[in-house]
Amino acid sequence: MHAVVAAPLLARLRTLDLSLGVLTDDGAAALLASRRFAHLDSLDLHHHFLSDAVVADLTQHCAELTVHVDLSEQMSPDACDGEVWRCVAVTE
């Protein structure tokens, strides 16, 4: 996520779609810390693995910036033998 928020191309985008992946609180923290998405019209993050607290923070922050954010499809990771697994929504 740090590469995305640091990319020069971000300044030219109107919509950023990071949906259908395995976005976690760490990735959202990079977005929130960067302040480089304030110019966007839309931020699509649906199908994510964010905590309720981070969803609330992003919702509030985007509302203040008037950026439409899609935070639908909040997923929960699976656990197996003490390991945490997160699956993307779409693969090959």
N, C-alpha and C. Protein backbone atom coordinates (compact mmCIF):
# COMPACT_ATOMS: atom_id res chain seq x y z
N MET A 1 0.82 -1.18 0.00
CA MET A 1 0.00 0.00 0.00
C MET A 1 0.87 1.26 0.00
N HIS A 2 2.01 1.16 0.64
CA HIS A 2 2.90 2.33 0.68
C HIS A 2 3.32 2.75 -0.73
N ALA A 3 3.52 1.79 -1.61
CA ALA A 3 3.87 2.10 -2.99
C ALA A 3 2.73 2.82 -3.70
N VAL A 4 1.50 2.43 -3.42
CA VAL A 4 0.33 3.07 -4.05
C VAL A 4 0.23 4.53 -3.62
N VAL A 5 0.33 4.79 -2.33
CA VAL A 5 0.16 6.17 -1.87
C VAL A 5 1.34 7.05 -2.24
N ALA A 6 2.49 6.45 -2.55
CA ALA A 6 3.66 7.23 -2.96
C ALA A 6 3.75 7.41 -4.47
N ALA A 7 2.94 6.70 -5.23
CA ALA A 7 3.02 6.73 -6.69
C ALA A 7 2.61 8.10 -7.24
N PRO A 8 3.42 8.66 -8.14
CA PRO A 8 3.09 9.96 -8.76
C PRO A 8 1.76 9.93 -9.51
N LEU A 9 1.40 8.78 -10.04
CA LEU A 9 0.16 8.64 -10.80
C LEU A 9 -1.08 8.93 -9.95
N LEU A 10 -1.00 8.70 -8.67
CA LEU A 10 -2.15 8.89 -7.78
C LEU A 10 -2.73 10.30 -7.89
N ALA A 11 -1.89 11.29 -8.06
CA ALA A 11 -2.36 12.68 -8.15
C ALA A 11 -3.23 12.93 -9.38
N ARG A 12 -3.12 12.07 -10.40
CA ARG A 12 -3.90 12.27 -11.63
C ARG A 12 -5.19 11.46 -11.67
N LEU A 13 -5.41 10.61 -10.68
CA LEU A 13 -6.59 9.76 -10.66
C LEU A 13 -7.78 10.47 -10.05
N ARG A 14 -8.97 10.12 -10.50
CA ARG A 14 -10.22 10.60 -9.90
C ARG A 14 -10.86 9.48 -9.08
N THR A 15 -10.59 8.23 -9.49
CA THR A 15 -11.12 7.06 -8.81
C THR A 15 -9.97 6.11 -8.53
N LEU A 16 -9.95 5.57 -7.33
CA LEU A 16 -8.97 4.55 -6.96
C LEU A 16 -9.73 3.32 -6.51
N ASP A 17 -9.50 2.20 -7.20
CA ASP A 17 -10.19 0.95 -6.90
C ASP A 17 -9.19 -0.05 -6.35
N LEU A 18 -9.27 -0.32 -5.06
CA LEU A 18 -8.42 -1.31 -4.40
C LEU A 18 -9.29 -2.45 -3.85
N SER A 19 -10.41 -2.66 -4.50
CA SER A 19 -11.39 -3.65 -4.02
C SER A 19 -10.99 -5.07 -4.36
N LEU A 20 -11.71 -6.01 -3.75
CA LEU A 20 -11.63 -7.43 -4.04
C LEU A 20 -10.32 -8.09 -3.65
N GLY A 21 -9.54 -7.41 -2.80
CA GLY A 21 -8.25 -7.95 -2.38
C GLY A 21 -8.25 -8.34 -0.92
N VAL A 22 -7.13 -8.12 -0.28
CA VAL A 22 -6.96 -8.50 1.12
C VAL A 22 -6.52 -7.29 1.95
N LEU A 23 -7.12 -6.15 1.70
CA LEU A 23 -6.77 -4.92 2.42
C LEU A 23 -7.00 -5.10 3.92
N THR A 24 -5.97 -4.78 4.70
CA THR A 24 -6.03 -4.90 6.16
C THR A 24 -5.87 -3.52 6.79
N ASP A 25 -5.91 -3.48 8.10
CA ASP A 25 -5.76 -2.23 8.84
C ASP A 25 -4.44 -1.54 8.53
N ASP A 26 -3.37 -2.31 8.31
CA ASP A 26 -2.07 -1.70 7.99
C ASP A 26 -2.13 -0.93 6.68
N GLY A 27 -2.77 -1.49 5.67
CA GLY A 27 -2.91 -0.80 4.39
C GLY A 27 -3.78 0.44 4.51
N ALA A 28 -4.85 0.33 5.28
CA ALA A 28 -5.72 1.49 5.48
C ALA A 28 -4.99 2.58 6.25
N ALA A 29 -4.14 2.19 7.19
CA ALA A 29 -3.35 3.18 7.94
C ALA A 29 -2.44 3.97 7.00
N ALA A 30 -1.88 3.30 6.01
CA ALA A 30 -1.05 4.00 5.02
C ALA A 30 -1.87 5.00 4.23
N LEU A 31 -3.09 4.62 3.86
CA LEU A 31 -3.98 5.55 3.16
C LEU A 31 -4.30 6.76 4.02
N LEU A 32 -4.69 6.50 5.25
CA LEU A 32 -5.07 7.58 6.15
C LEU A 32 -3.90 8.51 6.46
N ALA A 33 -2.72 7.98 6.58
CA ALA A 33 -1.55 8.78 6.91
C ALA A 33 -1.06 9.62 5.73
N SER A 34 -1.32 9.17 4.52
CA SER A 34 -0.75 9.84 3.35
C SER A 34 -1.41 11.16 2.99
N ARG A 35 -2.72 11.24 3.19
CA ARG A 35 -3.48 12.43 2.78
C ARG A 35 -3.40 12.70 1.28
N ARG A 36 -2.89 11.74 0.50
CA ARG A 36 -2.74 11.94 -0.94
C ARG A 36 -3.96 11.50 -1.74
N PHE A 37 -5.03 11.08 -1.07
CA PHE A 37 -6.22 10.68 -1.80
C PHE A 37 -7.37 11.66 -1.59
N ALA A 38 -7.09 12.80 -1.01
CA ALA A 38 -8.13 13.79 -0.72
C ALA A 38 -8.79 14.35 -1.98
N HIS A 39 -8.12 14.31 -3.09
CA HIS A 39 -8.65 14.86 -4.34
C HIS A 39 -9.56 13.88 -5.08
N LEU A 40 -9.60 12.63 -4.65
CA LEU A 40 -10.38 11.62 -5.37
C LEU A 40 -11.88 11.89 -5.28
N ASP A 41 -12.59 11.47 -6.31
CA ASP A 41 -14.04 11.47 -6.28
C ASP A 41 -14.54 10.20 -5.58
N SER A 42 -13.82 9.09 -5.82
CA SER A 42 -14.28 7.80 -5.34
C SER A 42 -13.10 6.91 -4.93
N LEU A 43 -13.29 6.22 -3.82
CA LEU A 43 -12.32 5.25 -3.31
C LEU A 43 -13.07 3.94 -3.08
N ASP A 44 -12.78 2.94 -3.89
CA ASP A 44 -13.49 1.66 -3.81
C ASP A 44 -12.63 0.65 -3.07
N LEU A 45 -13.08 0.28 -1.89
CA LEU A 45 -12.36 -0.67 -1.05
C LEU A 45 -13.22 -1.89 -0.72
N HIS A 46 -14.31 -2.11 -1.46
CA HIS A 46 -15.21 -3.21 -1.08
C HIS A 46 -14.49 -4.55 -1.15
N HIS A 47 -14.96 -5.48 -0.34
CA HIS A 47 -14.33 -6.78 -0.07
C HIS A 47 -12.96 -6.53 0.56
N HIS A 48 -12.97 -6.29 1.85
CA HIS A 48 -11.76 -5.95 2.60
C HIS A 48 -11.75 -6.70 3.92
N PHE A 49 -10.63 -6.61 4.61
CA PHE A 49 -10.45 -7.27 5.90
C PHE A 49 -10.12 -6.23 6.97
N LEU A 50 -10.83 -5.12 6.96
CA LEU A 50 -10.60 -4.03 7.91
C LEU A 50 -11.41 -4.25 9.18
N SER A 51 -10.86 -3.78 10.28
CA SER A 51 -11.58 -3.85 11.55
C SER A 51 -12.70 -2.81 11.57
N ASP A 52 -13.65 -2.97 12.47
CA ASP A 52 -14.75 -2.01 12.60
C ASP A 52 -14.22 -0.61 12.89
N ALA A 53 -13.19 -0.51 13.72
CA ALA A 53 -12.64 0.80 14.08
C ALA A 53 -12.04 1.51 12.87
N VAL A 54 -11.34 0.78 12.02
CA VAL A 54 -10.73 1.38 10.83
C VAL A 54 -11.80 1.73 9.80
N VAL A 55 -12.82 0.91 9.67
CA VAL A 55 -13.94 1.25 8.78
C VAL A 55 -14.57 2.57 9.23
N ALA A 56 -14.77 2.73 10.52
CA ALA A 56 -15.34 3.98 11.05
C ALA A 56 -14.41 5.16 10.78
N ASP A 57 -13.10 4.98 10.99
CA ASP A 57 -12.14 6.06 10.72
C ASP A 57 -12.14 6.46 9.26
N LEU A 58 -12.11 5.47 8.36
CA LEU A 58 -12.12 5.78 6.93
C LEU A 58 -13.42 6.44 6.50
N THR A 59 -14.53 5.97 7.03
CA THR A 59 -15.82 6.56 6.70
C THR A 59 -15.86 8.02 7.11
N GLN A 60 -15.42 8.31 8.31
CA GLN A 60 -15.42 9.70 8.79
C GLN A 60 -14.44 10.55 8.00
N HIS A 61 -13.25 10.05 7.78
CA HIS A 61 -12.22 10.81 7.07
C HIS A 61 -12.67 11.13 5.64
N CYS A 62 -13.22 10.14 4.95
CA CYS A 62 -13.67 10.36 3.57
C CYS A 62 -14.85 11.31 3.52
N ALA A 63 -15.72 11.25 4.50
CA ALA A 63 -16.85 12.19 4.54
C ALA A 63 -16.36 13.62 4.70
N GLU A 64 -15.35 13.81 5.53
CA GLU A 64 -14.78 15.15 5.71
C GLU A 64 -14.13 15.66 4.44
N LEU A 65 -13.57 14.75 3.64
CA LEU A 65 -12.91 15.13 2.39
C LEU A 65 -13.86 15.13 1.20
N THR A 66 -15.09 14.73 1.42
CA THR A 66 -16.10 14.54 0.37
C THR A 66 -15.64 13.55 -0.70
N VAL A 67 -14.97 12.50 -0.27
CA VAL A 67 -14.57 11.39 -1.14
C VAL A 67 -15.57 10.26 -0.91
N HIS A 68 -16.23 9.80 -1.96
CA HIS A 68 -17.14 8.67 -1.81
C HIS A 68 -16.30 7.42 -1.59
N VAL A 69 -16.59 6.68 -0.54
CA VAL A 69 -15.84 5.46 -0.25
C VAL A 69 -16.81 4.29 -0.14
N ASP A 70 -16.46 3.18 -0.79
CA ASP A 70 -17.24 1.96 -0.71
C ASP A 70 -16.51 0.99 0.20
N LEU A 71 -17.05 0.77 1.37
CA LEU A 71 -16.46 -0.14 2.35
C LEU A 71 -17.37 -1.34 2.59
N SER A 72 -18.15 -1.70 1.60
CA SER A 72 -19.04 -2.85 1.75
C SER A 72 -18.24 -4.15 1.73
N GLU A 73 -18.91 -5.23 2.06
CA GLU A 73 -18.33 -6.57 2.06
C GLU A 73 -17.13 -6.68 3.01
N GLN A 74 -17.36 -6.33 4.25
CA GLN A 74 -16.32 -6.50 5.27
C GLN A 74 -16.17 -7.99 5.55
N MET A 75 -14.99 -8.51 5.33
CA MET A 75 -14.72 -9.93 5.45
C MET A 75 -13.99 -10.22 6.76
N SER A 76 -14.08 -11.46 7.21
CA SER A 76 -13.32 -11.93 8.37
C SER A 76 -12.31 -12.96 7.89
N PRO A 77 -11.09 -12.88 8.36
CA PRO A 77 -10.10 -13.88 7.94
C PRO A 77 -10.43 -15.25 8.52
N ASP A 78 -9.96 -16.27 7.86
CA ASP A 78 -10.10 -17.64 8.35
C ASP A 78 -8.85 -18.00 9.15
N ALA A 79 -9.01 -18.90 10.08
CA ALA A 79 -7.88 -19.38 10.86
C ALA A 79 -7.80 -20.89 10.73
N CYS A 80 -6.58 -21.38 10.56
CA CYS A 80 -6.37 -22.82 10.45
C CYS A 80 -5.00 -23.14 11.06
N ASP A 81 -5.01 -23.98 12.06
CA ASP A 81 -3.76 -24.38 12.72
C ASP A 81 -2.95 -23.18 13.19
N GLY A 82 -3.63 -22.18 13.70
CA GLY A 82 -2.95 -21.00 14.23
C GLY A 82 -2.51 -19.99 13.19
N GLU A 83 -2.78 -20.24 11.92
CA GLU A 83 -2.43 -19.30 10.86
C GLU A 83 -3.67 -18.56 10.39
N VAL A 84 -3.48 -17.29 10.01
CA VAL A 84 -4.58 -16.46 9.51
C VAL A 84 -4.52 -16.46 7.99
N TRP A 85 -5.69 -16.69 7.37
CA TRP A 85 -5.78 -16.75 5.91
C TRP A 85 -6.80 -15.72 5.43
N ARG A 86 -6.40 -14.96 4.42
CA ARG A 86 -7.29 -14.00 3.76
C ARG A 86 -7.30 -14.32 2.28
N CYS A 87 -8.47 -14.41 1.69
CA CYS A 87 -8.57 -14.76 0.28
C CYS A 87 -9.10 -13.58 -0.53
N VAL A 88 -8.51 -13.37 -1.69
CA VAL A 88 -9.02 -12.35 -2.60
C VAL A 88 -10.35 -12.83 -3.15
N ALA A 89 -11.16 -11.92 -3.65
CA ALA A 89 -12.47 -12.27 -4.16
C ALA A 89 -12.41 -12.91 -5.54
N VAL A 90 -11.42 -12.52 -6.34
CA VAL A 90 -11.34 -12.99 -7.71
C VAL A 90 -9.90 -13.44 -7.99
N THR A 91 -9.78 -14.60 -8.61
CA THR A 91 -8.46 -15.08 -9.03
C THR A 91 -8.55 -15.53 -10.48
N GLU A 92 -7.49 -16.10 -10.97
CA GLU A 92 -7.47 -16.54 -12.37
C GLU A 92 -8.61 -17.46 -12.70
